[in-house]
Structure formats: structure tokens, C-alpha cells
Amino acid sequence: MLSKGQGKTMGSYYQLLNALAEDGRLEEAEELWNKIFSENLESLPRIFFIKMISIYYDKGMNEKMFEVFADMEELGVQPDQAIVRMVGDVFQKMGMLDKYDKLKKKYPPTSWEYRYIKGKRIRIRVKGQHSWRRRLTTVV
């Protein structure tokens, strides 16, 4: 893919990472992630963190997911609600309710989100928002 004149762009790296993950080649995806992470430490887009956390979440690799989340927090990258939900679910499953409470206090659910419709950024109220407390009682 990179030999066809596209250059080493973030988009091509993301597509390659996505393809490796969907093909089940996790070792190669981790090698690519480590390369991208070490080369672009300060300017790595949030979508790469989201992808790696979702890969580790799907495979049940909790420790590696926590490492990526810790790197994300250390670099000051704000996680979206999908990441917070995945990490919170793992904290609940592992019985780490104190860390789950810290996570929900640090990153409360948002009531607004931004979407792009016909090229314009529009603010939309989030529907179907579940309370963290209600969710905690149903899982435990």
C-alpha cells in the first residue's frame, strides 16, 4: 500500500492497522502500533488509541488495554465515551470498583456530541444516555 505513491500517512497506517486486526494478525498489528506510537508520540490521533483499545477489549487482553489507556492519559489525549465504557466494563468485570468510580468521576458521560452533516459541524444532544449508577447495579 505504501509503495503506490501514497506515502506514509496516518490514514494508510490506520487502514493497515484495521486490516491486520480484522485478519487476526494481532502480533503484526502490535508491531505496527509500537512503530507508529514511537515515531509519532506527540501527534498521534485519538483514533489509533480507540482502535488498539477496542482490539484488546475484543481479545480480552486487559493488561495491554490498560497500558494503552495509561499512555493515552499520560499524553493528555481525551478519551471518548466508547473508550471510557470499555475500560469501565473491564474494571467492573475484574472487580476493581474503586478504579471504576475514579474513572466515572474523571470522565462523566457527555450530554452533547458533535456530528458532521453535509460538511457542517452540528451539536446534537445524546439520546438514551444511561446512568452510571444504574448500570453498575445491573452488572453487579
Protein backbone atom coordinates (compact mmCIF):
# COMPACT_ATOMS: atom_id res chain seq x y z
CA MET A 1 0.00 0.00 0.00
CA LEU A 2 2.80 2.42 0.78
CA SER A 3 4.68 1.58 -2.43
CA LYS A 4 1.94 3.03 -4.65
CA GLY A 5 2.93 6.62 -4.03
CA GLN A 6 0.58 7.31 -1.13
CA GLY A 7 3.37 7.98 1.30
CA LYS A 8 3.48 7.22 4.99
CA THR A 9 0.26 8.92 6.01
CA MET A 10 -1.76 8.34 9.12
CA GLY A 11 -4.71 7.23 7.02
CA SER A 12 -2.77 4.44 5.38
CA TYR A 13 -1.33 3.36 8.74
CA TYR A 14 -4.84 3.26 10.19
CA GLN A 15 -6.15 1.18 7.28
CA LEU A 16 -3.26 -1.23 7.64
CA LEU A 17 -3.81 -1.50 11.39
CA ASN A 18 -7.51 -2.11 10.84
CA ALA A 19 -6.84 -4.77 8.18
CA LEU A 20 -4.33 -6.61 10.37
CA ALA A 21 -6.75 -6.59 13.30
CA GLU A 22 -9.67 -7.89 11.24
CA ASP A 23 -7.47 -10.59 9.70
CA GLY A 24 -6.50 -11.82 13.17
CA ARG A 25 -2.81 -10.95 12.80
CA LEU A 26 -2.52 -9.41 16.24
CA GLU A 27 1.28 -9.67 16.54
CA GLU A 28 1.78 -7.68 13.35
CA ALA A 29 -0.83 -5.14 14.44
CA GLU A 30 1.03 -4.69 17.74
CA GLU A 31 4.34 -4.23 15.90
CA LEU A 32 2.76 -1.58 13.68
CA TRP A 33 1.19 0.11 16.73
CA ASN A 34 4.55 0.22 18.52
CA LYS A 35 6.22 1.70 15.43
CA ILE A 36 3.52 4.35 14.97
CA PHE A 37 3.45 5.14 18.69
CA SER A 38 7.21 5.56 19.00
CA GLU A 39 7.57 7.67 15.84
CA ASN A 40 4.56 9.95 16.41
CA LEU A 41 4.47 10.19 20.17
CA GLU A 42 3.25 13.77 20.44
CA SER A 43 0.96 13.90 17.41
CA LEU A 44 -0.78 10.52 17.39
CA PRO A 45 -4.50 10.88 16.62
CA ARG A 46 -7.04 9.62 19.13
CA ILE A 47 -8.49 7.18 16.59
CA PHE A 48 -5.38 4.98 16.89
CA PHE A 49 -5.82 4.72 20.65
CA ILE A 50 -9.50 3.88 20.13
CA LYS A 51 -8.60 1.14 17.64
CA MET A 52 -5.97 -0.50 19.84
CA ILE A 53 -8.15 -0.38 22.95
CA SER A 54 -11.05 -1.92 21.03
CA ILE A 55 -8.77 -4.67 19.65
CA TYR A 56 -7.52 -5.52 23.13
CA TYR A 57 -11.05 -5.32 24.54
CA ASP A 58 -12.38 -7.76 21.94
CA LYS A 59 -9.50 -10.19 22.53
CA GLY A 60 -9.76 -9.95 26.33
CA MET A 61 -6.23 -8.60 26.73
CA ASN A 62 -6.99 -6.36 29.68
CA GLU A 63 -3.45 -5.54 30.81
CA LYS A 64 -2.43 -4.27 27.38
CA MET A 65 -5.65 -2.28 27.16
CA PHE A 66 -4.82 -0.62 30.49
CA GLU A 67 -1.30 0.18 29.20
CA VAL A 68 -2.68 1.91 26.10
CA PHE A 69 -5.21 3.81 28.23
CA ALA A 70 -2.45 4.89 30.63
CA ASP A 71 -0.31 6.08 27.69
CA MET A 72 -3.31 7.98 26.40
CA GLU A 73 -3.85 9.73 29.73
CA GLU A 74 -0.14 10.44 30.10
CA LEU A 75 -0.04 12.16 26.71
CA GLY A 76 -3.13 14.20 27.55
CA VAL A 77 -5.37 12.66 24.90
CA GLN A 78 -9.02 12.94 25.96
CA PRO A 79 -10.79 9.55 25.64
CA ASP A 80 -14.20 9.37 24.03
CA GLN A 81 -17.18 7.67 25.66
CA ALA A 82 -16.57 4.36 23.86
CA ILE A 83 -13.12 4.04 25.43
CA VAL A 84 -14.40 5.02 28.86
CA ARG A 85 -17.19 2.44 28.53
CA MET A 86 -14.79 -0.35 27.50
CA VAL A 87 -12.30 0.37 30.28
CA GLY A 88 -15.15 0.75 32.79
CA ASP A 89 -16.64 -2.60 31.76
CA VAL A 90 -13.29 -4.32 32.30
CA PHE A 91 -12.90 -2.66 35.71
CA GLN A 92 -16.35 -3.96 36.67
CA LYS A 93 -15.66 -7.48 35.41
CA MET A 94 -12.38 -7.62 37.31
CA GLY A 95 -14.00 -6.32 40.49
CA MET A 96 -12.00 -3.07 40.59
CA LEU A 97 -14.91 -0.88 41.63
CA ASP A 98 -12.67 1.76 43.22
CA LYS A 99 -10.92 2.35 39.89
CA TYR A 100 -14.29 2.27 38.15
CA ASP A 101 -15.56 5.04 40.45
CA LYS A 102 -12.44 7.15 39.77
CA LEU A 103 -12.92 6.64 36.04
CA LYS A 104 -16.56 7.71 36.07
CA LYS A 105 -15.73 10.80 38.16
CA LYS A 106 -12.89 11.81 35.87
CA TYR A 107 -14.80 11.21 32.61
CA PRO A 108 -18.55 11.68 33.18
CA PRO A 109 -20.91 10.92 30.28
CA THR A 110 -21.43 13.83 27.93
CA SER A 111 -24.85 15.21 27.15
CA TRP A 112 -23.80 16.62 23.76
CA GLU A 113 -21.85 15.29 20.81
CA TYR A 114 -20.69 16.81 17.57
CA ARG A 115 -21.52 15.28 14.19
CA TYR A 116 -20.75 16.37 10.68
CA ILE A 117 -23.79 16.66 8.43
CA LYS A 118 -23.19 17.87 4.87
CA GLY A 119 -19.79 19.20 5.87
CA LYS A 120 -21.06 21.28 8.79
CA ARG A 121 -20.30 20.58 12.42
CA ILE A 122 -23.56 20.26 14.36
CA ARG A 123 -24.05 19.87 18.10
CA ILE A 124 -26.59 17.15 18.95
CA ARG A 125 -27.96 16.06 22.32
CA VAL A 126 -27.07 12.46 23.16
CA LYS A 127 -30.13 10.20 23.40
CA GLY A 128 -30.53 7.09 25.50
CA GLN A 129 -27.90 8.06 28.00
CA HIS A 130 -27.66 5.51 30.78
CA SER A 131 -26.83 6.47 34.30
CA TRP A 132 -23.53 5.08 35.56
CA ARG A 133 -25.09 4.14 38.88
CA ARG A 134 -28.00 2.31 37.23
CA ARG A 135 -25.56 0.41 35.03
CA LEU A 136 -23.42 -0.55 37.99
CA THR A 137 -26.34 -2.09 39.83
CA THR A 138 -27.45 -4.14 36.82
CA VAL A 139 -23.99 -5.59 36.15
CA VAL A 140 -23.07 -6.48 39.73
